[in-house]
N, C-alpha and C. Protein backbone atom coordinates (compact mmCIF):
# COMPACT_ATOMS: atom_id res chain seq x y z
N MET A 1 -32.96 17.02 -51.16
CA MET A 1 -32.18 16.59 -52.12
C MET A 1 -32.49 17.46 -53.33
N THR A 2 -31.25 17.89 -54.08
CA THR A 2 -31.58 18.57 -55.17
C THR A 2 -31.59 17.75 -56.31
N THR A 3 -32.11 18.30 -57.34
CA THR A 3 -32.11 17.46 -58.57
C THR A 3 -31.41 18.13 -59.75
N VAL A 4 -31.01 17.35 -60.70
CA VAL A 4 -30.30 17.98 -62.01
C VAL A 4 -30.94 17.26 -63.08
N SER A 5 -31.25 18.03 -64.32
CA SER A 5 -31.78 17.35 -65.41
C SER A 5 -30.61 17.09 -66.47
N ILE A 6 -30.64 15.76 -66.74
CA ILE A 6 -29.67 15.44 -67.80
C ILE A 6 -30.24 14.67 -69.08
N ARG A 7 -29.59 14.56 -70.17
CA ARG A 7 -30.25 13.88 -71.27
C ARG A 7 -29.70 12.39 -71.37
N ILE A 8 -30.63 11.60 -71.43
CA ILE A 8 -30.31 10.17 -71.56
C ILE A 8 -30.99 9.51 -72.80
N ASP A 9 -30.33 8.69 -73.40
CA ASP A 9 -30.89 7.98 -74.54
C ASP A 9 -32.20 7.43 -74.36
N GLU A 10 -33.17 7.68 -75.29
CA GLU A 10 -34.57 7.27 -74.98
C GLU A 10 -34.63 5.75 -74.87
N THR A 11 -33.81 5.10 -75.44
CA THR A 11 -34.01 3.63 -75.44
C THR A 11 -33.36 3.09 -73.94
N LEU A 12 -32.63 3.75 -73.43
CA LEU A 12 -31.97 3.45 -72.05
C LEU A 12 -33.33 3.84 -70.93
N VAL A 13 -33.83 4.81 -71.26
CA VAL A 13 -35.02 5.34 -70.40
C VAL A 13 -36.13 4.44 -70.55
N ASN A 14 -36.54 4.01 -71.71
CA ASN A 14 -37.49 2.87 -71.87
C ASN A 14 -37.19 1.67 -71.24
N ALA A 15 -35.84 1.23 -71.12
CA ALA A 15 -35.34 -0.03 -70.38
C ALA A 15 -35.64 0.31 -69.03
N ALA A 16 -35.25 1.46 -68.52
CA ALA A 16 -35.33 1.73 -67.00
C ALA A 16 -36.54 1.73 -66.74
N ARG A 17 -37.62 2.27 -67.53
CA ARG A 17 -38.90 2.38 -67.15
C ARG A 17 -39.68 1.08 -66.99
N SER A 18 -39.30 0.16 -67.91
CA SER A 18 -39.69 -1.44 -67.86
C SER A 18 -39.14 -2.00 -66.63
N ALA A 19 -37.81 -1.83 -66.44
CA ALA A 19 -37.21 -2.46 -65.20
C ALA A 19 -37.78 -1.96 -63.87
N ALA A 20 -37.99 -0.68 -63.88
CA ALA A 20 -38.54 -0.04 -62.70
C ALA A 20 -39.86 -0.49 -62.22
N LYS A 21 -40.67 -0.83 -63.34
CA LYS A 21 -42.15 -1.28 -62.94
C LYS A 21 -42.08 -2.67 -62.34
N SER A 22 -41.14 -3.43 -63.01
CA SER A 22 -41.07 -4.90 -62.48
C SER A 22 -40.26 -4.92 -61.22
N GLU A 23 -39.43 -4.04 -60.86
CA GLU A 23 -38.72 -4.03 -59.50
C GLU A 23 -39.39 -2.95 -58.45
N PHE A 24 -40.55 -2.49 -58.86
CA PHE A 24 -41.23 -1.56 -57.92
C PHE A 24 -40.53 -0.38 -57.48
N ARG A 25 -39.77 0.25 -58.42
CA ARG A 25 -39.04 1.56 -58.29
C ARG A 25 -39.61 2.52 -59.01
N THR A 26 -39.22 3.78 -58.84
CA THR A 26 -39.55 4.91 -59.67
C THR A 26 -38.57 4.86 -61.09
N LEU A 27 -38.89 5.57 -61.88
CA LEU A 27 -38.01 5.62 -63.21
C LEU A 27 -36.59 6.04 -62.48
N GLN A 28 -36.62 7.30 -61.71
CA GLN A 28 -35.36 7.92 -61.27
C GLN A 28 -34.72 6.95 -60.33
N GLY A 29 -35.47 6.31 -59.43
CA GLY A 29 -34.82 5.11 -58.59
C GLY A 29 -34.24 4.11 -59.36
N GLN A 30 -34.73 3.71 -60.36
CA GLN A 30 -34.14 2.54 -61.14
C GLN A 30 -32.84 3.05 -61.78
N ILE A 31 -32.86 4.21 -62.47
CA ILE A 31 -31.64 4.71 -63.01
C ILE A 31 -30.41 5.11 -61.92
N GLU A 32 -30.89 5.47 -60.90
CA GLU A 32 -29.93 5.66 -59.69
C GLU A 32 -29.38 4.30 -59.34
N PHE A 33 -30.33 3.29 -59.21
CA PHE A 33 -29.76 1.97 -58.84
C PHE A 33 -28.93 1.42 -59.80
N TRP A 34 -29.17 1.55 -60.99
CA TRP A 34 -28.21 1.05 -62.17
C TRP A 34 -26.98 1.72 -62.06
N ALA A 35 -26.95 3.00 -61.77
CA ALA A 35 -25.68 3.94 -61.62
C ALA A 35 -24.84 3.30 -60.42
N LYS A 36 -25.54 3.09 -59.37
CA LYS A 36 -24.82 2.59 -58.19
C LYS A 36 -24.06 1.21 -58.24
N VAL A 37 -24.83 0.30 -59.10
CA VAL A 37 -24.34 -1.04 -59.55
C VAL A 37 -23.40 -0.91 -60.37
N GLY A 38 -23.30 -0.09 -61.30
CA GLY A 38 -22.26 0.33 -62.12
C GLY A 38 -20.85 0.72 -61.60
N ARG A 39 -20.97 1.72 -60.61
CA ARG A 39 -20.00 2.35 -60.08
C ARG A 39 -19.36 1.29 -59.10
N ALA A 40 -20.01 0.45 -58.34
CA ALA A 40 -19.57 -0.74 -57.51
C ALA A 40 -18.90 -1.62 -58.42
N ALA A 41 -19.52 -2.01 -59.40
CA ALA A 41 -18.72 -2.98 -60.27
C ALA A 41 -17.54 -2.39 -61.02
N LEU A 42 -17.31 -1.23 -61.21
CA LEU A 42 -16.01 -0.65 -61.75
C LEU A 42 -15.25 -0.72 -60.53
N ASP A 43 -15.65 -0.25 -59.29
CA ASP A 43 -14.64 -0.39 -58.07
C ASP A 43 -14.30 -1.79 -57.65
N ASN A 44 -14.99 -2.87 -58.09
CA ASN A 44 -14.90 -4.19 -57.60
C ASN A 44 -14.89 -5.04 -58.93
N PRO A 45 -14.08 -5.02 -59.73
CA PRO A 45 -14.10 -5.69 -61.16
C PRO A 45 -14.12 -7.31 -60.81
N ASP A 46 -13.80 -7.63 -59.75
CA ASP A 46 -13.59 -9.16 -59.37
C ASP A 46 -15.10 -9.67 -58.89
N LEU A 47 -16.02 -8.91 -58.75
CA LEU A 47 -17.15 -9.35 -58.39
C LEU A 47 -18.21 -9.45 -59.33
N PRO A 48 -19.26 -10.31 -59.52
CA PRO A 48 -20.28 -10.29 -60.37
C PRO A 48 -21.29 -9.25 -60.23
N ALA A 49 -21.68 -8.69 -61.38
CA ALA A 49 -22.57 -7.56 -61.24
C ALA A 49 -23.81 -7.95 -60.41
N SER A 50 -24.31 -9.22 -60.77
CA SER A 50 -25.56 -9.78 -59.99
C SER A 50 -25.33 -9.72 -58.64
N PHE A 51 -24.11 -10.11 -57.98
CA PHE A 51 -23.81 -10.06 -56.60
C PHE A 51 -23.93 -8.67 -56.00
N ILE A 52 -23.27 -7.87 -56.77
CA ILE A 52 -23.34 -6.30 -56.37
C ILE A 52 -24.80 -5.90 -56.24
N ALA A 53 -25.51 -5.99 -57.25
CA ALA A 53 -26.87 -5.65 -57.15
C ALA A 53 -27.54 -6.23 -56.08
N GLU A 54 -27.41 -7.51 -55.78
CA GLU A 54 -28.09 -8.29 -54.63
C GLU A 54 -27.69 -7.71 -53.31
N CYS A 55 -26.29 -7.32 -53.17
CA CYS A 55 -25.80 -6.73 -51.87
C CYS A 55 -26.51 -5.35 -51.76
N LEU A 56 -26.77 -4.46 -52.83
CA LEU A 56 -27.02 -3.11 -52.76
C LEU A 56 -28.64 -3.32 -52.35
N MET A 57 -29.48 -4.20 -52.98
CA MET A 57 -30.86 -4.39 -52.66
C MET A 57 -30.79 -4.78 -51.05
N ALA A 58 -29.94 -5.74 -50.76
CA ALA A 58 -30.13 -6.22 -49.24
C ALA A 58 -29.69 -5.07 -48.25
N MET A 59 -28.97 -4.13 -48.73
CA MET A 59 -28.56 -3.03 -47.82
C MET A 59 -29.66 -2.12 -47.47
N ASN A 60 -30.69 -2.09 -48.45
CA ASN A 60 -31.79 -1.12 -48.43
C ASN A 60 -33.17 -1.92 -47.87
N GLU A 61 -33.02 -3.16 -47.34
CA GLU A 61 -33.77 -3.90 -46.88
C GLU A 61 -34.13 -3.40 -45.39
N PRO A 62 -35.34 -3.26 -45.15
CA PRO A 62 -35.65 -2.89 -43.66
C PRO A 62 -34.93 -3.86 -42.60
N ALA A 63 -34.45 -3.59 -41.61
CA ALA A 63 -33.64 -4.52 -40.79
C ALA A 63 -34.54 -5.49 -40.03
N GLU A 64 -35.98 -5.05 -39.88
CA GLU A 64 -36.84 -5.97 -39.12
C GLU A 64 -37.38 -7.04 -40.30
N GLU A 65 -37.14 -6.86 -41.51
CA GLU A 65 -37.46 -7.82 -42.51
C GLU A 65 -36.41 -8.86 -42.88
N SER A 66 -35.20 -8.43 -42.41
CA SER A 66 -34.09 -9.20 -42.78
C SER A 66 -33.95 -10.62 -42.02
N THR A 67 -33.19 -11.46 -42.65
CA THR A 67 -32.99 -12.66 -41.72
C THR A 67 -31.44 -12.80 -41.50
N PRO A 68 -31.33 -12.96 -40.22
CA PRO A 68 -29.91 -13.07 -39.74
C PRO A 68 -29.22 -14.24 -40.29
N PHE A 69 -27.91 -13.88 -40.46
CA PHE A 69 -26.93 -15.00 -41.15
C PHE A 69 -26.45 -15.90 -39.93
N VAL A 70 -26.72 -17.23 -40.15
CA VAL A 70 -26.31 -18.16 -39.25
C VAL A 70 -25.35 -19.01 -39.92
N PRO A 71 -24.17 -19.06 -39.50
CA PRO A 71 -22.96 -19.79 -40.14
C PRO A 71 -23.26 -21.39 -39.71
N ARG A 72 -22.82 -22.09 -40.66
CA ARG A 72 -22.72 -23.61 -40.37
C ARG A 72 -22.02 -23.88 -39.36
N SER A 73 -22.14 -25.05 -38.43
CA SER A 73 -21.56 -25.51 -37.53
C SER A 73 -20.02 -26.01 -37.94
N GLY A 74 -19.21 -26.33 -37.13
CA GLY A 74 -18.06 -26.86 -37.56
C GLY A 74 -17.94 -27.90 -38.72
N ALA A 75 -16.69 -27.90 -39.49
CA ALA A 75 -16.73 -28.73 -40.68
C ALA A 75 -16.70 -30.23 -40.15
N SER A 76 -17.48 -31.14 -40.92
CA SER A 76 -17.47 -32.51 -40.55
C SER A 76 -16.30 -33.27 -41.56
N ALA A 77 -15.73 -34.13 -40.77
CA ALA A 77 -14.64 -34.76 -41.58
C ALA A 77 -14.98 -36.09 -42.03
């Protein structure tokens, strides 16, 4: 993976550093995660950003730690 240096506002970097610590990510990982959430939110304006973030986190969850989806049985009348 290649890297690129960019300038980012110090306030945003400090917020990312704080969020990274609580989310157990690196600073770079946190900024990348926010960028992915933002891009997906722009591509899907009808979805809440929290839903997008949770979906992205679930996609990175190891398969052996995931819980399979079990649909509810037929609708009761």
